[in-house]
Amino acid sequence: MTEILVWGGQGQAKVLRPILEAAGHRIALVYDRKPGLAAPFPDVPLISDEAAIEAWLARRSGALGFVIAIGGEHGRERCRIARSLTARGLMPITALHERAWIADSATVGAGSHVLAMAAVCVQARLGEQCIINTNASIDHECVLGDGVHVMPGATIAGCVRVEDYATIGSNATILPRLRIGEEAVIGAGAVVIADVPPRTRMVGAPARPIDAKGSRG
């Protein structure tokens, strides 16, 4: 059994707890910097003060794992926190739901989450700190960079490359052999039929870029 620090105290933490416990781990502490946040679990302490978490870590001895329970468009932040905790000797824990399907030839990077009913297919490769959410599908030979979030029900067809920190919205579809650029955001239900440049937001079917004011390009 590994004791776990959960970094992030909202919905993703609640999703991860049964996965971690099914794998034999125990949550020792939840940290979330949002002041006034209610503890997600009545039997696990929540710390919201940065000095307090530093003191808690300094008192620890022995092995300690961690998961980053931060979803949304925060892949870069997930990876930054993971690097910091790893440098302090904590172990990133990969959370794989027992009802996810992961091909024997697929690889899943450290600290990633593959949730219920998700599929990671033949020779797919996931980077570190990815989230493959409920009922999402990553088809054969896809390559996902670090910190990618694929939201519930999204479908990434074969041989797609998704660069670091990109977000694929719920029920979006990415057609085969495309490239989604770093930190791009694909809106919910979008159908992507062409490569997407880095840091671009796409919406619609077929997907079109949208600027910061909500105007389509």
N, C-alpha and C. Protein backbone atom coordinates (compact mmCIF):
# COMPACT_ATOMS: atom_id res chain seq x y z
N MET A 1 0.84 -1.20 0.00
CA MET A 1 0.00 0.00 0.00
C MET A 1 0.87 1.24 0.00
N THR A 2 0.55 2.19 -0.87
CA THR A 2 1.24 3.47 -0.91
C THR A 2 0.31 4.56 -0.39
N GLU A 3 0.83 5.39 0.51
CA GLU A 3 0.07 6.56 0.93
C GLU A 3 0.18 7.64 -0.14
N ILE A 4 -0.93 8.35 -0.36
CA ILE A 4 -1.05 9.25 -1.50
C ILE A 4 -1.37 10.66 -1.02
N LEU A 5 -0.67 11.64 -1.58
CA LEU A 5 -1.05 13.04 -1.50
C LEU A 5 -1.87 13.36 -2.75
N VAL A 6 -3.09 13.83 -2.56
CA VAL A 6 -3.92 14.26 -3.68
C VAL A 6 -3.83 15.78 -3.78
N TRP A 7 -3.33 16.26 -4.89
CA TRP A 7 -3.15 17.70 -5.11
C TRP A 7 -4.34 18.20 -5.93
N GLY A 8 -5.29 18.82 -5.24
CA GLY A 8 -6.53 19.25 -5.86
C GLY A 8 -7.69 18.59 -5.14
N GLY A 9 -8.63 19.41 -4.63
CA GLY A 9 -9.65 18.87 -3.74
C GLY A 9 -11.07 18.96 -4.25
N GLN A 10 -11.24 18.96 -5.57
CA GLN A 10 -12.60 19.10 -6.10
C GLN A 10 -13.01 17.82 -6.84
N GLY A 11 -13.74 17.96 -7.94
CA GLY A 11 -14.36 16.79 -8.55
C GLY A 11 -13.40 15.70 -8.96
N GLN A 12 -12.24 16.07 -9.51
CA GLN A 12 -11.31 15.04 -9.97
C GLN A 12 -10.79 14.20 -8.81
N ALA A 13 -10.63 14.80 -7.65
CA ALA A 13 -10.22 14.03 -6.48
C ALA A 13 -11.25 12.97 -6.15
N LYS A 14 -12.53 13.33 -6.22
CA LYS A 14 -13.59 12.37 -5.91
C LYS A 14 -13.61 11.22 -6.93
N VAL A 15 -13.34 11.55 -8.18
CA VAL A 15 -13.28 10.51 -9.21
C VAL A 15 -12.12 9.55 -8.96
N LEU A 16 -10.99 10.09 -8.51
CA LEU A 16 -9.78 9.28 -8.38
C LEU A 16 -9.78 8.39 -7.15
N ARG A 17 -10.48 8.78 -6.09
CA ARG A 17 -10.36 8.01 -4.85
C ARG A 17 -10.69 6.53 -5.02
N PRO A 18 -11.83 6.14 -5.62
CA PRO A 18 -12.09 4.71 -5.73
C PRO A 18 -11.08 3.98 -6.61
N ILE A 19 -10.52 4.66 -7.60
CA ILE A 19 -9.50 4.03 -8.45
C ILE A 19 -8.24 3.75 -7.63
N LEU A 20 -7.83 4.74 -6.83
CA LEU A 20 -6.64 4.58 -6.01
C LEU A 20 -6.83 3.48 -4.97
N GLU A 21 -7.99 3.47 -4.34
CA GLU A 21 -8.23 2.47 -3.30
C GLU A 21 -8.34 1.07 -3.89
N ALA A 22 -8.92 0.95 -5.08
CA ALA A 22 -8.99 -0.36 -5.73
C ALA A 22 -7.60 -0.91 -6.04
N ALA A 23 -6.63 0.01 -6.24
CA ALA A 23 -5.26 -0.40 -6.51
C ALA A 23 -4.46 -0.61 -5.23
N GLY A 24 -5.11 -0.46 -4.08
CA GLY A 24 -4.46 -0.72 -2.81
C GLY A 24 -3.80 0.47 -2.15
N HIS A 25 -4.04 1.66 -2.66
CA HIS A 25 -3.44 2.86 -2.08
C HIS A 25 -4.37 3.48 -1.03
N ARG A 26 -3.82 4.39 -0.24
CA ARG A 26 -4.60 5.11 0.76
C ARG A 26 -4.29 6.59 0.67
N ILE A 27 -5.34 7.42 0.61
CA ILE A 27 -5.14 8.87 0.56
C ILE A 27 -4.82 9.37 1.97
N ALA A 28 -3.66 10.00 2.11
CA ALA A 28 -3.22 10.51 3.40
C ALA A 28 -3.61 11.97 3.60
N LEU A 29 -3.67 12.74 2.51
CA LEU A 29 -3.91 14.18 2.62
C LEU A 29 -4.39 14.70 1.28
N VAL A 30 -5.25 15.71 1.34
CA VAL A 30 -5.66 16.45 0.14
C VAL A 30 -5.18 17.88 0.31
N TYR A 31 -4.58 18.42 -0.75
CA TYR A 31 -4.17 19.82 -0.76
C TYR A 31 -4.90 20.55 -1.87
N ASP A 32 -5.46 21.72 -1.54
CA ASP A 32 -6.05 22.60 -2.54
C ASP A 32 -5.89 24.03 -2.06
N ARG A 33 -5.32 24.88 -2.90
CA ARG A 33 -5.01 26.24 -2.45
C ARG A 33 -6.23 27.16 -2.43
N LYS A 34 -7.39 26.67 -2.86
CA LYS A 34 -8.58 27.50 -2.84
C LYS A 34 -9.05 27.69 -1.41
N PRO A 35 -9.08 28.95 -0.91
CA PRO A 35 -9.48 29.15 0.48
C PRO A 35 -10.96 28.85 0.70
N GLY A 36 -11.26 28.27 1.85
CA GLY A 36 -12.64 27.99 2.21
C GLY A 36 -13.25 26.79 1.54
N LEU A 37 -12.48 26.03 0.79
CA LEU A 37 -13.01 24.86 0.11
C LEU A 37 -13.37 23.78 1.13
N ALA A 38 -14.56 23.20 0.98
CA ALA A 38 -14.95 22.10 1.85
C ALA A 38 -14.13 20.86 1.51
N ALA A 39 -13.76 20.11 2.54
CA ALA A 39 -12.99 18.89 2.32
C ALA A 39 -13.80 17.91 1.48
N PRO A 40 -13.21 17.31 0.46
CA PRO A 40 -13.96 16.38 -0.39
C PRO A 40 -14.29 15.07 0.31
N PHE A 41 -13.51 14.72 1.34
CA PHE A 41 -13.72 13.45 2.05
C PHE A 41 -13.75 13.72 3.55
N PRO A 42 -14.76 13.26 4.25
CA PRO A 42 -14.84 13.55 5.68
C PRO A 42 -13.74 12.88 6.50
N ASP A 43 -13.15 11.82 5.97
CA ASP A 43 -12.15 11.07 6.73
C ASP A 43 -10.71 11.37 6.32
N VAL A 44 -10.51 12.37 5.44
CA VAL A 44 -9.16 12.72 4.99
C VAL A 44 -8.95 14.21 5.22
N PRO A 45 -7.87 14.62 5.89
CA PRO A 45 -7.65 16.05 6.11
C PRO A 45 -7.37 16.81 4.82
N LEU A 46 -7.83 18.06 4.81
CA LEU A 46 -7.60 18.98 3.69
C LEU A 46 -6.75 20.13 4.19
N ILE A 47 -5.68 20.45 3.46
CA ILE A 47 -4.84 21.60 3.75
C ILE A 47 -4.97 22.58 2.59
N SER A 48 -5.14 23.86 2.92
CA SER A 48 -5.25 24.89 1.88
C SER A 48 -4.13 25.92 1.93
N ASP A 49 -3.29 25.84 2.93
CA ASP A 49 -2.22 26.82 3.13
C ASP A 49 -0.90 26.25 2.63
N GLU A 50 -0.18 27.03 1.83
CA GLU A 50 1.06 26.54 1.23
C GLU A 50 2.11 26.24 2.28
N ALA A 51 2.19 27.08 3.31
CA ALA A 51 3.17 26.82 4.37
C ALA A 51 2.84 25.53 5.11
N ALA A 52 1.56 25.26 5.30
CA ALA A 52 1.14 24.05 6.00
C ALA A 52 1.49 22.79 5.21
N ILE A 53 1.32 22.84 3.89
CA ILE A 53 1.67 21.66 3.10
C ILE A 53 3.17 21.45 3.09
N GLU A 54 3.92 22.54 3.07
CA GLU A 54 5.38 22.42 3.14
C GLU A 54 5.80 21.77 4.46
N ALA A 55 5.18 22.20 5.56
CA ALA A 55 5.51 21.62 6.86
C ALA A 55 5.12 20.15 6.93
N TRP A 56 3.96 19.82 6.36
CA TRP A 56 3.51 18.43 6.35
C TRP A 56 4.49 17.55 5.57
N LEU A 57 4.93 18.01 4.41
CA LEU A 57 5.87 17.24 3.62
C LEU A 57 7.20 17.08 4.34
N ALA A 58 7.63 18.13 5.03
CA ALA A 58 8.91 18.07 5.75
C ALA A 58 8.88 17.04 6.88
N ARG A 59 7.71 16.80 7.45
CA ARG A 59 7.59 15.83 8.55
C ARG A 59 7.49 14.39 8.06
N ARG A 60 7.22 14.20 6.79
CA ARG A 60 6.99 12.86 6.27
C ARG A 60 8.27 12.06 6.21
N SER A 61 8.14 10.77 6.42
CA SER A 61 9.25 9.85 6.19
C SER A 61 8.67 8.64 5.45
N GLY A 62 9.49 8.00 4.69
CA GLY A 62 9.04 6.84 3.94
C GLY A 62 8.41 7.24 2.61
N ALA A 63 7.97 6.22 1.89
CA ALA A 63 7.45 6.43 0.53
C ALA A 63 6.13 7.19 0.57
N LEU A 64 5.98 8.10 -0.36
CA LEU A 64 4.74 8.86 -0.51
C LEU A 64 4.49 9.06 -2.00
N GLY A 65 3.29 8.70 -2.44
CA GLY A 65 2.91 8.93 -3.83
C GLY A 65 2.05 10.16 -3.95
N PHE A 66 1.80 10.57 -5.18
CA PHE A 66 0.92 11.72 -5.40
C PHE A 66 0.14 11.54 -6.70
N VAL A 67 -1.05 12.15 -6.72
CA VAL A 67 -1.80 12.33 -7.95
C VAL A 67 -2.19 13.80 -8.04
N ILE A 68 -2.23 14.32 -9.26
CA ILE A 68 -2.64 15.70 -9.51
C ILE A 68 -4.09 15.67 -9.96
N ALA A 69 -4.99 16.08 -9.07
CA ALA A 69 -6.44 16.03 -9.35
C ALA A 69 -6.92 17.39 -9.82
N ILE A 70 -6.35 17.84 -10.93
CA ILE A 70 -6.71 19.13 -11.51
C ILE A 70 -7.06 18.88 -12.97
N GLY A 71 -8.32 19.05 -13.33
CA GLY A 71 -8.75 18.81 -14.70
C GLY A 71 -8.76 20.09 -15.52
N GLY A 72 -9.70 20.17 -16.46
CA GLY A 72 -9.84 21.37 -17.28
C GLY A 72 -8.63 21.61 -18.16
N GLU A 73 -8.41 22.88 -18.46
CA GLU A 73 -7.35 23.30 -19.38
C GLU A 73 -6.08 23.64 -18.61
N HIS A 74 -5.68 22.77 -17.70
CA HIS A 74 -4.57 23.06 -16.80
C HIS A 74 -3.44 22.05 -16.94
N GLY A 75 -3.23 21.54 -18.14
CA GLY A 75 -2.19 20.54 -18.34
C GLY A 75 -0.80 21.03 -18.02
N ARG A 76 -0.49 22.26 -18.39
CA ARG A 76 0.84 22.80 -18.08
C ARG A 76 1.05 22.87 -16.57
N GLU A 77 0.01 23.30 -15.84
CA GLU A 77 0.12 23.40 -14.39
C GLU A 77 0.24 22.01 -13.76
N ARG A 78 -0.51 21.02 -14.26
CA ARG A 78 -0.37 19.66 -13.75
C ARG A 78 1.07 19.18 -13.87
N CYS A 79 1.66 19.42 -15.01
CA CYS A 79 3.03 18.96 -15.23
C CYS A 79 4.03 19.73 -14.37
N ARG A 80 3.81 21.02 -14.18
CA ARG A 80 4.71 21.81 -13.33
C ARG A 80 4.69 21.29 -11.89
N ILE A 81 3.49 21.07 -11.36
CA ILE A 81 3.37 20.56 -10.00
C ILE A 81 4.00 19.18 -9.89
N ALA A 82 3.75 18.33 -10.88
CA ALA A 82 4.31 16.98 -10.86
C ALA A 82 5.83 17.00 -10.84
N ARG A 83 6.43 17.87 -11.62
CA ARG A 83 7.90 17.97 -11.62
C ARG A 83 8.42 18.40 -10.26
N SER A 84 7.72 19.35 -9.64
CA SER A 84 8.13 19.84 -8.33
C SER A 84 8.05 18.75 -7.27
N LEU A 85 6.95 17.99 -7.26
CA LEU A 85 6.79 16.94 -6.26
C LEU A 85 7.76 15.78 -6.51
N THR A 86 7.97 15.45 -7.77
CA THR A 86 8.92 14.38 -8.09
C THR A 86 10.33 14.75 -7.63
N ALA A 87 10.70 16.01 -7.81
CA ALA A 87 12.02 16.48 -7.39
C ALA A 87 12.20 16.36 -5.88
N ARG A 88 11.08 16.34 -5.14
CA ARG A 88 11.15 16.21 -3.69
C ARG A 88 11.07 14.76 -3.24
N GLY A 89 11.08 13.84 -4.18
CA GLY A 89 11.13 12.43 -3.84
C GLY A 89 9.79 11.73 -3.81
N LEU A 90 8.68 12.43 -4.14
CA LEU A 90 7.38 11.78 -4.19
C LEU A 90 7.24 11.02 -5.51
N MET A 91 6.41 9.99 -5.51
CA MET A 91 6.25 9.14 -6.68
C MET A 91 4.93 9.45 -7.39
N PRO A 92 4.96 9.76 -8.69
CA PRO A 92 3.70 9.94 -9.41
C PRO A 92 2.97 8.61 -9.55
N ILE A 93 1.68 8.62 -9.23
CA ILE A 93 0.86 7.42 -9.29
C ILE A 93 -0.04 7.51 -10.53
N THR A 94 0.00 6.49 -11.36
CA THR A 94 -0.86 6.41 -12.54
C THR A 94 -2.17 5.74 -12.15
N ALA A 95 -3.28 6.39 -12.45
CA ALA A 95 -4.60 5.91 -12.01
C ALA A 95 -5.34 5.31 -13.20
N LEU A 96 -5.52 4.00 -13.20
CA LEU A 96 -6.17 3.29 -14.30
C LEU A 96 -7.43 2.62 -13.76
N HIS A 97 -8.58 3.07 -14.22
CA HIS A 97 -9.83 2.49 -13.75
C HIS A 97 -9.93 1.04 -14.20
N GLU A 98 -10.47 0.18 -13.35
CA GLU A 98 -10.55 -1.24 -13.66
C GLU A 98 -11.47 -1.52 -14.85
N ARG A 99 -12.34 -0.56 -15.21
CA ARG A 99 -13.22 -0.77 -16.37
C ARG A 99 -12.76 0.04 -17.58
N ALA A 100 -11.56 0.57 -17.55
CA ALA A 100 -10.95 1.13 -18.77
C ALA A 100 -10.31 -0.02 -19.56
N TRP A 101 -10.15 0.18 -20.88
CA TRP A 101 -9.46 -0.82 -21.70
C TRP A 101 -8.20 -0.19 -22.26
N ILE A 102 -7.07 -0.82 -21.97
CA ILE A 102 -5.77 -0.32 -22.42
C ILE A 102 -5.07 -1.47 -23.12
N ALA A 103 -4.76 -1.28 -24.40
CA ALA A 103 -4.11 -2.34 -25.18
C ALA A 103 -2.75 -2.69 -24.58
N ASP A 104 -2.37 -3.95 -24.73
CA ASP A 104 -1.07 -4.39 -24.23
C ASP A 104 0.08 -3.62 -24.86
N SER A 105 -0.10 -3.18 -26.09
CA SER A 105 0.97 -2.47 -26.80
C SER A 105 0.93 -0.96 -26.59
N ALA A 106 -0.05 -0.47 -25.84
CA ALA A 106 -0.14 0.97 -25.54
C ALA A 106 0.77 1.31 -24.36
N THR A 107 1.18 2.58 -24.27
CA THR A 107 1.96 3.05 -23.14
C THR A 107 1.26 4.25 -22.52
N VAL A 108 1.29 4.30 -21.20
CA VAL A 108 0.63 5.37 -20.44
C VAL A 108 1.67 6.03 -19.55
N GLY A 109 1.85 7.34 -19.73
CA GLY A 109 2.88 8.05 -19.00
C GLY A 109 2.58 8.20 -17.52
N ALA A 110 3.63 8.45 -16.76
CA ALA A 110 3.53 8.54 -15.30
C ALA A 110 2.53 9.61 -14.88
N GLY A 111 1.70 9.27 -13.90
CA GLY A 111 0.76 10.22 -13.33
C GLY A 111 -0.49 10.45 -14.15
N SER A 112 -0.66 9.71 -15.23
CA SER A 112 -1.85 9.89 -16.06
C SER A 112 -3.05 9.20 -15.43
N HIS A 113 -4.26 9.61 -15.86
CA HIS A 113 -5.51 9.01 -15.40
C HIS A 113 -6.25 8.48 -16.62
N VAL A 114 -6.65 7.24 -16.57
CA VAL A 114 -7.52 6.65 -17.61
C VAL A 114 -8.77 6.18 -16.88
N LEU A 115 -9.89 6.84 -17.14
CA LEU A 115 -11.08 6.66 -16.32
C LEU A 115 -12.05 5.64 -16.91
N ALA A 116 -13.18 5.46 -16.25
CA ALA A 116 -14.10 4.37 -16.56
C ALA A 116 -14.55 4.40 -18.02
N MET A 117 -14.54 3.24 -18.65
CA MET A 117 -15.03 3.01 -20.00
C MET A 117 -14.19 3.70 -21.08
N ALA A 118 -13.06 4.27 -20.72
CA ALA A 118 -12.17 4.84 -21.72
C ALA A 118 -11.40 3.72 -22.41
N ALA A 119 -10.95 4.01 -23.65
CA ALA A 119 -10.16 3.04 -24.41
C ALA A 119 -8.88 3.70 -24.90
N VAL A 120 -7.77 3.01 -24.69
CA VAL A 120 -6.47 3.43 -25.21
C VAL A 120 -5.98 2.27 -26.06
N CYS A 121 -5.97 2.47 -27.37
CA CYS A 121 -5.90 1.35 -28.30
C CYS A 121 -4.47 1.01 -28.72
N VAL A 122 -4.37 0.12 -29.68
CA VAL A 122 -3.10 -0.51 -30.06
C VAL A 122 -2.04 0.54 -30.41
N GLN A 123 -0.89 0.42 -29.76
CA GLN A 123 0.30 1.24 -29.98
C GLN A 123 0.05 2.73 -29.75
N ALA A 124 -0.99 3.07 -29.03
CA ALA A 124 -1.16 4.46 -28.61
C ALA A 124 -0.15 4.78 -27.52
N ARG A 125 0.28 6.04 -27.47
CA ARG A 125 1.26 6.47 -26.47
C ARG A 125 0.76 7.74 -25.80
N LEU A 126 0.63 7.69 -24.49
CA LEU A 126 0.23 8.84 -23.70
C LEU A 126 1.44 9.37 -22.94
N GLY A 127 1.59 10.69 -22.92
CA GLY A 127 2.65 11.30 -22.14
C GLY A 127 2.32 11.31 -20.66
N GLU A 128 3.10 12.07 -19.91
CA GLU A 128 2.89 12.18 -18.47
C GLU A 128 1.72 13.11 -18.16
N GLN A 129 1.03 12.82 -17.05
CA GLN A 129 -0.02 13.69 -16.52
C GLN A 129 -1.13 13.96 -17.53
N CYS A 130 -1.47 12.97 -18.33
CA CYS A 130 -2.63 13.06 -19.20
C CYS A 130 -3.89 12.64 -18.44
N ILE A 131 -5.04 13.12 -18.89
CA ILE A 131 -6.32 12.66 -18.38
C ILE A 131 -7.14 12.17 -19.57
N ILE A 132 -7.49 10.89 -19.55
CA ILE A 132 -8.39 10.31 -20.55
C ILE A 132 -9.68 10.04 -19.80
N ASN A 133 -10.65 10.89 -20.02
CA ASN A 133 -11.83 10.91 -19.15
C ASN A 133 -12.85 9.84 -19.56
N THR A 134 -13.92 9.80 -18.81
CA THR A 134 -14.93 8.76 -18.94
C THR A 134 -15.40 8.58 -20.39
N ASN A 135 -15.32 7.35 -20.88
CA ASN A 135 -15.86 6.96 -22.19
C ASN A 135 -15.14 7.64 -23.36
N ALA A 136 -13.95 8.18 -23.14
CA ALA A 136 -13.17 8.73 -24.25
C ALA A 136 -12.41 7.61 -24.96
N SER A 137 -12.09 7.84 -26.23
CA SER A 137 -11.43 6.81 -27.04
C SER A 137 -10.19 7.38 -27.72
N ILE A 138 -9.06 6.72 -27.48
CA ILE A 138 -7.80 7.07 -28.13
C ILE A 138 -7.46 5.90 -29.04
N ASP A 139 -7.56 6.10 -30.34
CA ASP A 139 -7.45 4.97 -31.26
C ASP A 139 -5.99 4.63 -31.55
N HIS A 140 -5.81 3.66 -32.45
CA HIS A 140 -4.50 3.06 -32.69
C HIS A 140 -3.45 4.08 -33.11
N GLU A 141 -2.28 3.95 -32.56
CA GLU A 141 -1.07 4.68 -32.95
C GLU A 141 -1.17 6.19 -32.71
N CYS A 142 -2.10 6.62 -31.89
CA CYS A 142 -2.12 8.03 -31.52
C CYS A 142 -0.96 8.32 -30.56
N VAL A 143 -0.48 9.55 -30.60
CA VAL A 143 0.57 9.99 -29.69
C VAL A 143 0.08 11.25 -29.00
N LEU A 144 -0.03 11.20 -27.69
CA LEU A 144 -0.44 12.36 -26.90
C LEU A 144 0.75 12.83 -26.08
N GLY A 145 0.99 14.13 -26.08
CA GLY A 145 2.08 14.69 -25.31
C GLY A 145 1.76 14.75 -23.83
N ASP A 146 2.56 15.47 -23.09
CA ASP A 146 2.36 15.61 -21.66
C ASP A 146 1.19 16.55 -21.36
N GLY A 147 0.46 16.26 -20.29
CA GLY A 147 -0.57 17.17 -19.81
C GLY A 147 -1.78 17.32 -20.70
N VAL A 148 -2.03 16.38 -21.58
CA VAL A 148 -3.21 16.44 -22.46
C VAL A 148 -4.44 15.99 -21.67
N HIS A 149 -5.56 16.68 -21.88
CA HIS A 149 -6.83 16.28 -21.26
C HIS A 149 -7.82 15.97 -22.37
N VAL A 150 -8.30 14.74 -22.40
CA VAL A 150 -9.33 14.31 -23.33
C VAL A 150 -10.60 14.12 -22.50
N MET A 151 -11.59 14.98 -22.72
CA MET A 151 -12.77 15.03 -21.87
C MET A 151 -13.76 13.93 -22.22
N PRO A 152 -14.81 13.75 -21.39
CA PRO A 152 -15.71 12.60 -21.55
C PRO A 152 -16.31 12.48 -22.95
N GLY A 153 -16.29 11.26 -23.46
CA GLY A 153 -16.95 10.97 -24.72
C GLY A 153 -16.22 11.42 -25.96
N ALA A 154 -15.05 12.03 -25.84
CA ALA A 154 -14.32 12.48 -27.02
C ALA A 154 -13.71 11.28 -27.76
N THR A 155 -13.59 11.41 -29.08
CA THR A 155 -13.04 10.35 -29.92
C THR A 155 -11.86 10.90 -30.70
N ILE A 156 -10.71 10.29 -30.51
CA ILE A 156 -9.52 10.65 -31.28
C ILE A 156 -9.22 9.46 -32.19
N ALA A 157 -9.41 9.64 -33.49
CA ALA A 157 -9.23 8.55 -34.45
C ALA A 157 -7.75 8.22 -34.60
N GLY A 158 -7.47 7.21 -35.42
CA GLY A 158 -6.13 6.65 -35.49
C GLY A 158 -5.07 7.60 -35.99
N CYS A 159 -3.85 7.41 -35.45
CA CYS A 159 -2.64 8.09 -35.93
C CYS A 159 -2.69 9.61 -35.76
N VAL A 160 -3.42 10.09 -34.78
CA VAL A 160 -3.46 11.52 -34.46
C VAL A 160 -2.34 11.83 -33.48
N ARG A 161 -1.74 13.01 -33.64
CA ARG A 161 -0.76 13.50 -32.66
C ARG A 161 -1.34 14.72 -31.96
N VAL A 162 -1.37 14.67 -30.64
CA VAL A 162 -1.87 15.77 -29.82
C VAL A 162 -0.69 16.28 -29.00
N GLU A 163 -0.32 17.53 -29.21
CA GLU A 163 0.87 18.07 -28.56
C GLU A 163 0.59 18.42 -27.09
N ASP A 164 1.65 18.74 -26.37
CA ASP A 164 1.58 18.99 -24.94
C ASP A 164 0.48 19.98 -24.57
N TYR A 165 -0.22 19.67 -23.46
CA TYR A 165 -1.14 20.57 -22.76
C TYR A 165 -2.42 20.89 -23.55
N ALA A 166 -2.66 20.22 -24.65
CA ALA A 166 -3.90 20.46 -25.40
C ALA A 166 -5.09 19.87 -24.65
N THR A 167 -6.28 20.42 -24.93
CA THR A 167 -7.52 19.96 -24.31
C THR A 167 -8.51 19.60 -25.42
N ILE A 168 -9.07 18.41 -25.34
CA ILE A 168 -10.08 17.95 -26.30
C ILE A 168 -11.41 17.88 -25.55
N GLY A 169 -12.38 18.70 -25.95
CA GLY A 169 -13.63 18.83 -25.22
C GLY A 169 -14.54 17.61 -25.32
N SER A 170 -15.53 17.59 -24.44
CA SER A 170 -16.47 16.47 -24.39
C SER A 170 -17.14 16.23 -25.74
N ASN A 171 -17.18 14.97 -26.16
CA ASN A 171 -17.85 14.54 -27.39
C ASN A 171 -17.26 15.14 -28.66
N ALA A 172 -16.07 15.72 -28.58
CA ALA A 172 -15.38 16.16 -29.79
C ALA A 172 -14.87 14.95 -30.57
N THR A 173 -14.66 15.15 -31.88
CA THR A 173 -14.12 14.09 -32.73
C THR A 173 -12.94 14.65 -33.50
N ILE A 174 -11.83 13.94 -33.45
CA ILE A 174 -10.63 14.31 -34.22
C ILE A 174 -10.45 13.25 -35.30
N LEU A 175 -10.49 13.66 -36.57
CA LEU A 175 -10.35 12.70 -37.67
C LEU A 175 -8.91 12.19 -37.76
N PRO A 176 -8.70 11.08 -38.48
CA PRO A 176 -7.38 10.42 -38.46
C PRO A 176 -6.26 11.27 -39.02
N ARG A 177 -5.06 11.00 -38.52
CA ARG A 177 -3.77 11.48 -39.04
C ARG A 177 -3.63 13.01 -38.97
N LEU A 178 -4.31 13.62 -38.03
CA LEU A 178 -4.19 15.06 -37.84
C LEU A 178 -3.23 15.37 -36.69
N ARG A 179 -2.86 16.65 -36.60
CA ARG A 179 -2.00 17.13 -35.51
C ARG A 179 -2.72 18.26 -34.79
N ILE A 180 -2.82 18.13 -33.48
CA ILE A 180 -3.41 19.17 -32.63
C ILE A 180 -2.27 19.84 -31.88
N GLY A 181 -2.11 21.15 -32.09
CA GLY A 181 -0.95 21.86 -31.58
C GLY A 181 -0.94 22.04 -30.07
N GLU A 182 0.22 22.40 -29.56
CA GLU A 182 0.42 22.60 -28.13
C GLU A 182 -0.57 23.63 -27.57
N GLU A 183 -1.20 23.27 -26.46
CA GLU A 183 -2.15 24.12 -25.73
C GLU A 183 -3.37 24.52 -26.56
N ALA A 184 -3.62 23.82 -27.66
CA ALA A 184 -4.86 24.04 -28.39
C ALA A 184 -6.04 23.55 -27.55
N VAL A 185 -7.21 24.13 -27.79
CA VAL A 185 -8.43 23.73 -27.09
C VAL A 185 -9.49 23.41 -28.14
N ILE A 186 -10.00 22.20 -28.12
CA ILE A 186 -11.05 21.78 -29.03
C ILE A 186 -12.36 21.78 -28.25
N GLY A 187 -13.33 22.56 -28.70
CA GLY A 187 -14.58 22.73 -27.97
C GLY A 187 -15.43 21.47 -27.96
N ALA A 188 -16.36 21.44 -27.02
CA ALA A 188 -17.27 20.30 -26.90
C ALA A 188 -18.04 20.08 -28.20
N GLY A 189 -18.08 18.85 -28.66
CA GLY A 189 -18.83 18.49 -29.85
C GLY A 189 -18.21 18.90 -31.17
N ALA A 190 -17.03 19.51 -31.15
CA ALA A 190 -16.39 19.92 -32.40
C ALA A 190 -15.96 18.70 -33.22
N VAL A 191 -15.94 18.87 -34.53
CA VAL A 191 -15.44 17.84 -35.44
C VAL A 191 -14.25 18.42 -36.18
N VAL A 192 -13.06 17.94 -35.86
CA VAL A 192 -11.82 18.51 -36.40
C VAL A 192 -11.43 17.73 -37.64
N ILE A 193 -11.30 18.45 -38.76
CA ILE A 193 -11.03 17.81 -40.05
C ILE A 193 -9.69 18.24 -40.65
N ALA A 194 -8.95 19.12 -39.94
CA ALA A 194 -7.66 19.60 -40.43
C ALA A 194 -6.76 19.86 -39.22
N ASP A 195 -5.45 19.95 -39.46
CA ASP A 195 -4.51 20.23 -38.39
C ASP A 195 -4.89 21.53 -37.65
N VAL A 196 -4.59 21.57 -36.36
CA VAL A 196 -4.91 22.73 -35.53
C VAL A 196 -3.60 23.35 -35.03
N PRO A 197 -3.38 24.64 -35.28
CA PRO A 197 -2.15 25.28 -34.81
C PRO A 197 -2.09 25.36 -33.29
N PRO A 198 -0.90 25.54 -32.74
CA PRO A 198 -0.78 25.69 -31.29
C PRO A 198 -1.62 26.85 -30.76
N ARG A 199 -2.12 26.69 -29.52
CA ARG A 199 -2.83 27.74 -28.78
C ARG A 199 -4.02 28.30 -29.55
N THR A 200 -4.69 27.44 -30.29
CA THR A 200 -5.88 27.82 -31.05
C THR A 200 -7.10 27.18 -30.44
N ARG A 201 -8.20 27.92 -30.37
CA ARG A 201 -9.48 27.37 -29.91
C ARG A 201 -10.35 27.07 -31.11
N MET A 202 -10.92 25.87 -31.11
CA MET A 202 -11.73 25.42 -32.24
C MET A 202 -13.12 25.04 -31.75
N VAL A 203 -14.14 25.43 -32.51
CA VAL A 203 -15.51 25.06 -32.17
C VAL A 203 -16.25 24.69 -33.44
N GLY A 204 -17.34 23.93 -33.29
CA GLY A 204 -18.23 23.68 -34.40
C GLY A 204 -17.93 22.40 -35.17
N ALA A 205 -18.81 22.13 -36.15
CA ALA A 205 -18.70 20.94 -36.99
C ALA A 205 -19.01 21.34 -38.43
N PRO A 206 -18.00 21.42 -39.30
CA PRO A 206 -16.59 21.19 -39.00
C PRO A 206 -16.02 22.31 -38.14
N ALA A 207 -14.96 22.02 -37.41
CA ALA A 207 -14.40 22.96 -36.45
C ALA A 207 -13.75 24.15 -37.14
N ARG A 208 -13.96 25.33 -36.54
CA ARG A 208 -13.36 26.58 -37.00
C ARG A 208 -12.72 27.27 -35.82
N PRO A 209 -11.65 28.07 -36.07
CA PRO A 209 -11.02 28.77 -34.95
C PRO A 209 -11.92 29.87 -34.41
N ILE A 210 -11.78 30.13 -33.12
CA ILE A 210 -12.54 31.18 -32.47
C ILE A 210 -11.56 32.06 -31.69
N ASP A 211 -11.73 33.38 -31.76
CA ASP A 211 -10.79 34.26 -31.07
C ASP A 211 -11.24 34.48 -29.63
N ALA A 212 -10.45 35.28 -28.90
CA ALA A 212 -10.70 35.46 -27.47
C ALA A 212 -12.05 36.11 -27.21
N LYS A 213 -12.60 36.85 -28.17
CA LYS A 213 -13.88 37.51 -28.00
C LYS A 213 -15.06 36.63 -28.44
N GLY A 214 -14.76 35.46 -28.92
CA GLY A 214 -15.82 34.53 -29.30
C GLY A 214 -16.21 34.61 -30.77
N SER A 215 -15.43 35.35 -31.59
CA SER A 215 -15.73 35.44 -33.00
C SER A 215 -15.05 34.32 -33.76
N ARG A 216 -15.77 33.73 -34.71
CA ARG A 216 -15.17 32.67 -35.52
C ARG A 216 -14.31 33.26 -36.60
N GLY A 217 -13.16 32.56 -36.83
CA GLY A 217 -12.25 33.01 -37.87
C GLY A 217 -12.69 32.61 -39.25
